[in-house]
Amino acid sequence: MKKALVLLSICIVFACKNTTENKEVSEISSTINNENKIRQLDGLLGVWSTTSENSYSRETWKFENQNAYSGHSYTTVANDTVFEEYMLIRQQGKDVILTVTAVNQNDDKPIDFILIPSAPGQFTFENKNHDFPQQITYTNPTKDSIHAWVEGVIEGNQEKMDFYFARSDD
């Protein structure tokens, strides 16, 4: 009986130790994932463009540092810039924040969108308090393409605008 109690005590000690070690490993892994969330967006880095009959759009993302990527996007129609924005994606603690400053919109003030849980390979940034869009989503359907869309409510109607970009050589 004494041997059984000693054996049981040893098993309990090892079981508790393994649980503690597993918890520590899990906490470390969780910390690493939180610290590197922004790195999941590495697929955005580069120059992207799309051309239609009468317009040209270009979006460029650059690595600034381990916690920030900067972006610039514009659309031209007949050589006239009809839309332009500056973007910054930054890791702030556990949050990844997309800040968008659209030229001649919102009094040129930056608007923050927070990365929210999304489907695998999809990155959705949200700001429910913004007029439009309330969500900005990026995916990399293939290595050399980006599908982005903005969506939200305009005058009571759910609206969505899609943008398809291909990797550009310039």
Protein backbone atom coordinates (compact mmCIF):
# COMPACT_ATOMS: atom_id res chain seq x y z
CA MET A 1 0.00 0.00 0.00
CA LYS A 2 2.86 2.36 0.89
CA LYS A 3 4.50 1.72 -2.50
CA ALA A 4 1.24 2.50 -4.28
CA LEU A 5 0.92 5.84 -2.43
CA VAL A 6 4.53 6.78 -3.25
CA LEU A 7 4.02 5.82 -6.91
CA LEU A 8 0.76 7.79 -7.04
CA SER A 9 2.47 10.84 -5.49
CA ILE A 10 5.29 10.69 -8.06
CA CYS A 11 2.75 10.44 -10.91
CA ILE A 12 0.84 13.47 -9.57
CA VAL A 13 4.05 15.53 -9.29
CA PHE A 14 5.05 14.72 -12.89
CA ALA A 15 1.52 15.34 -14.17
CA CYS A 16 1.42 18.77 -12.48
CA LYS A 17 4.90 19.61 -13.77
CA ASN A 18 3.93 18.68 -17.35
CA THR A 19 0.74 20.74 -17.12
CA THR A 20 2.74 23.74 -15.90
CA GLU A 21 5.35 23.29 -18.65
CA ASN A 22 2.64 22.93 -21.30
CA LYS A 23 0.95 26.08 -20.00
CA GLU A 24 4.27 27.98 -20.12
CA VAL A 25 4.96 26.77 -23.67
CA SER A 26 1.42 27.75 -24.66
CA GLU A 27 1.83 31.21 -23.10
CA ILE A 28 5.17 31.71 -24.87
CA SER A 29 3.64 30.58 -28.18
CA SER A 30 0.69 32.92 -27.66
CA THR A 31 3.05 35.81 -26.94
CA ILE A 32 5.05 35.08 -30.09
CA ASN A 33 1.85 34.95 -32.18
CA ASN A 34 0.64 38.24 -30.71
CA GLU A 35 4.02 39.90 -31.24
CA ASN A 36 4.21 38.73 -34.85
CA LYS A 37 0.61 39.22 -35.97
CA ILE A 38 1.69 41.92 -38.40
CA ARG A 39 4.05 39.48 -40.13
CA GLN A 40 1.00 37.57 -41.37
CA LEU A 41 0.48 40.54 -43.71
CA ASP A 42 3.88 40.19 -45.42
CA GLY A 43 2.04 39.12 -48.59
CA LEU A 44 0.89 42.72 -49.05
CA LEU A 45 4.44 44.04 -49.40
CA GLY A 46 5.26 45.21 -52.90
CA VAL A 47 3.70 47.13 -55.75
CA TRP A 48 0.22 46.20 -56.98
CA SER A 49 -1.77 47.61 -59.88
CA THR A 50 -4.91 47.18 -61.91
CA THR A 51 -6.03 48.73 -65.17
CA SER A 52 -9.50 49.05 -66.65
CA GLU A 53 -10.74 50.77 -69.82
CA ASN A 54 -10.39 54.26 -68.42
CA SER A 55 -8.64 53.99 -65.05
CA TYR A 56 -5.40 52.87 -63.46
CA SER A 57 -4.98 52.03 -59.77
CA ARG A 58 -1.80 51.34 -57.89
CA GLU A 59 -1.17 50.30 -54.29
CA THR A 60 2.31 50.08 -52.79
CA TRP A 61 3.23 48.54 -49.43
CA LYS A 62 6.69 48.93 -47.87
CA PHE A 63 8.31 47.37 -44.81
CA GLU A 64 9.13 50.19 -42.38
CA ASN A 65 10.21 48.10 -39.39
CA GLN A 66 9.27 44.92 -37.56
CA ASN A 67 6.06 46.58 -36.30
CA ALA A 68 4.98 48.78 -39.22
CA TYR A 69 4.26 48.74 -42.96
CA SER A 70 3.46 51.90 -44.92
CA GLY A 71 1.23 52.09 -47.95
CA HIS A 72 0.17 54.49 -50.67
CA SER A 73 -2.70 54.02 -53.09
CA TYR A 74 -4.12 56.09 -55.91
CA THR A 75 -6.45 55.86 -58.87
CA THR A 76 -6.21 57.91 -62.05
CA VAL A 77 -8.78 58.48 -64.77
CA ALA A 78 -7.56 60.14 -67.97
CA ASN A 79 -4.31 61.07 -66.19
CA ASP A 80 -6.22 62.85 -63.41
CA THR A 81 -5.85 61.51 -59.86
CA VAL A 82 -9.39 60.90 -58.62
CA PHE A 83 -8.50 59.09 -55.40
CA GLU A 84 -5.43 58.95 -53.18
CA GLU A 85 -4.73 57.61 -49.71
CA TYR A 86 -1.83 56.93 -47.37
CA MET A 87 -1.89 53.90 -45.11
CA LEU A 88 0.01 52.54 -42.16
CA ILE A 89 -0.33 49.06 -40.68
CA ARG A 90 1.22 48.85 -37.24
CA GLN A 91 1.39 46.39 -34.39
CA GLN A 92 0.47 48.04 -31.11
CA GLY A 93 0.58 45.50 -28.29
CA LYS A 94 -1.79 42.70 -29.26
CA ASP A 95 -3.61 44.84 -31.82
CA VAL A 96 -2.81 45.34 -35.48
CA ILE A 97 -4.11 48.70 -36.65
CA LEU A 98 -4.62 49.98 -40.18
CA THR A 99 -4.59 53.78 -40.31
CA VAL A 100 -5.94 55.31 -43.50
CA THR A 101 -5.62 58.96 -44.47
CA ALA A 102 -7.64 59.63 -47.63
CA VAL A 103 -6.68 62.84 -49.42
CA ASN A 104 -9.55 65.38 -49.43
CA GLN A 105 -11.74 63.15 -47.26
CA ASN A 106 -12.48 63.26 -43.51
CA ASP A 107 -10.70 66.64 -43.38
CA ASP A 108 -7.50 64.71 -44.22
CA LYS A 109 -7.63 63.13 -40.74
CA PRO A 110 -6.36 59.57 -40.23
CA ILE A 111 -8.95 56.87 -39.54
CA ASP A 112 -8.00 53.74 -37.57
CA PHE A 113 -9.31 50.25 -38.33
CA ILE A 114 -8.53 47.30 -36.00
CA LEU A 115 -7.70 43.81 -37.31
CA ILE A 116 -10.51 41.46 -36.28
CA PRO A 117 -10.68 37.64 -36.42
CA SER A 118 -11.37 36.52 -39.99
CA ALA A 119 -11.29 33.43 -42.16
CA PRO A 120 -7.82 31.92 -42.72
CA GLY A 121 -5.84 33.97 -45.24
CA GLN A 122 -8.25 36.88 -44.93
CA PHE A 123 -7.38 40.06 -43.02
CA THR A 124 -10.30 42.27 -42.06
CA PHE A 125 -9.84 45.64 -40.38
CA GLU A 126 -12.90 47.22 -38.80
CA ASN A 127 -14.10 50.58 -37.52
CA LYS A 128 -17.85 50.42 -36.85
CA ASN A 129 -17.94 54.16 -36.11
CA HIS A 130 -16.66 55.25 -39.53
CA ASP A 131 -19.21 56.34 -42.14
CA PHE A 132 -17.85 54.25 -45.03
CA PRO A 133 -16.25 51.85 -45.16
CA GLN A 134 -16.65 50.12 -41.83
CA GLN A 135 -14.50 47.18 -42.95
CA ILE A 136 -11.43 46.84 -45.17
CA THR A 137 -10.40 43.31 -46.13
CA TYR A 138 -7.31 41.94 -47.89
CA THR A 139 -6.62 38.46 -49.25
CA ASN A 140 -3.83 36.98 -51.37
CA PRO A 141 -5.67 34.53 -53.64
CA THR A 142 -2.35 33.81 -55.37
CA LYS A 143 1.22 34.90 -54.70
CA ASP A 144 1.01 37.56 -57.41
CA SER A 145 -2.45 38.96 -56.69
CA ILE A 146 -4.42 40.78 -54.03
CA HIS A 147 -8.17 40.91 -53.67
CA ALA A 148 -9.20 43.80 -51.44
CA TRP A 149 -12.65 45.05 -50.66
CA VAL A 150 -14.30 47.71 -48.58
CA GLU A 151 -17.77 47.35 -47.18
CA GLY A 152 -20.27 48.95 -44.91
CA VAL A 153 -23.62 50.64 -44.75
CA ILE A 154 -24.43 53.67 -46.92
CA GLU A 155 -27.85 55.26 -46.41
CA GLY A 156 -29.16 52.06 -44.83
CA ASN A 157 -27.89 49.75 -47.59
CA GLN A 158 -25.04 47.27 -47.24
CA GLU A 159 -22.46 48.13 -49.92
CA LYS A 160 -19.28 46.39 -51.06
CA MET A 161 -16.58 47.50 -53.48
CA ASP A 162 -14.03 44.97 -54.80
CA PHE A 163 -10.49 45.70 -55.96
CA TYR A 164 -8.36 43.14 -57.80
CA PHE A 165 -4.65 43.88 -58.05
CA ALA A 166 -1.78 42.05 -59.76
CA ARG A 167 1.85 42.31 -58.68
CA SER A 168 3.55 45.05 -60.68
CA ASP A 169 7.17 45.03 -61.82
CA ASP A 170 7.80 48.71 -61.16
